[in-house]
Amino acid sequence: MIYKFVNFPIIIEVKSGVLEEFEKVIHQNNLHFENPLVITGEKSGKIISRYQFVSKYEHYIIQNATMKEMSYLRRTLIEYQHDAIIACGGGKVIDIGKYLARETLIPVVSVPTLLSNDAIASPISILRINNEYRSLGTTMPIGVIVDIEIIKNSPKKYLLAGLGDLISNISASYDWVLARKEIGEKIDNFSRMLAYMPAINLLNNFETYSSVKDEKFIEDLAYGLILSGIAMNIAHSSRPASGSEHNISHALDKILGFGRIPHGLQVGFATILTTYLQGQTREYERILDLYEKFEFPRNLNKLGINEDTFINALKLAPKIRNRYTILNKYTQKEITDSFVELFGY
């Protein structure tokens, strides 16, 4: 009999106030850390400073996130025999924690203070190497602990970014099926559905949420982003959660510079166009309604990008990486004309 072995976090906890009982959660899952190192950023360090586990453990505040700093942290983890990394912060801090876990074989626990993308549980890190941002395969967290109270108090734009990143899975799922049909690409339907179902469920039921600060919305968003990360780990690829909409975002990053606009806002906005091109009419219309309710950017002005920049990104996107998507089915003129038709530029 043939089996497929799947790695996923031992701990997945999403609830309000969970960081007040951090050690209890660790022990309930049959884990025990003697000498963990907490890593944070400056802002996230202030957010979590009131929790007992932070003052109890050694901690380090990320300064510049350079490879020199990563090398220092790697040496520190080994020299002082730390047995766990607790990464508390946004995507940058958690990406660093996952990278260090891979380099040292020390497990990492992800404690996000923002829900802006699926980095909270994915086996991928975006790091700055030689003044250029690169995507690296890293280690999936052994645990993901999300305190809804902290996320609820985070800036709205990051919750909107998380929403955009999760909703973009609807576009990515279509593209993967399209690639199988058009070029015979191998597909893992389990990982595809693991990323797709939380996104489509949120889209189908968004009227039940009062706002992005709604605790049920935050809970569903957190689980959706965690499942996206697990899906990528199962597929050994970002394919379940990254298609044409991510190609457009990567093109924007190349033109504008990485991180100028939150990743989730870029892919979420691009999903309006890609679902339209894909012929997902119902999903496209529901996405517009969802975005209107939650005040997600639905035009370039609100996104902070001018028309020429976005059109140049559309030209670059089909060639940005070797991944077949809906953008390969149309000419550049057809894609640009569809964009102009949708957004009235």
Foldseek 3Di string as FASTA:
>chain_A
DDDADADAALAEAEEAPVLLVVVVSQVVSVHDWDAEEEEEAPVQCVVCVPHPVPVVHHYYHDDPQAVVVLVVVLCVCVVVVGQEYEQEEALQSLLSRQASCQVNVHAYAAEYLFLQALSSFAQWHFGQYPNDTDIDGGHGHNYYHYHLVSHLPDDLQSLLNLLLQLLLLCQLLLFVVVCCVPPNDDDDVVLLCLSNVLNVVCLVPVVVAQESSGSVNVRSSSSNSNSLRSSCRSVVHNSSRDDLLLLLLVLLCVVPNPPPFRSSLSSSQSSLLSCVLSVVVVSNVSSVVSCVSHVRDNACVVRVHDPVSSLSSLVCSVVSDPGGGSSVVDDSVVSSVSVCVVHVD
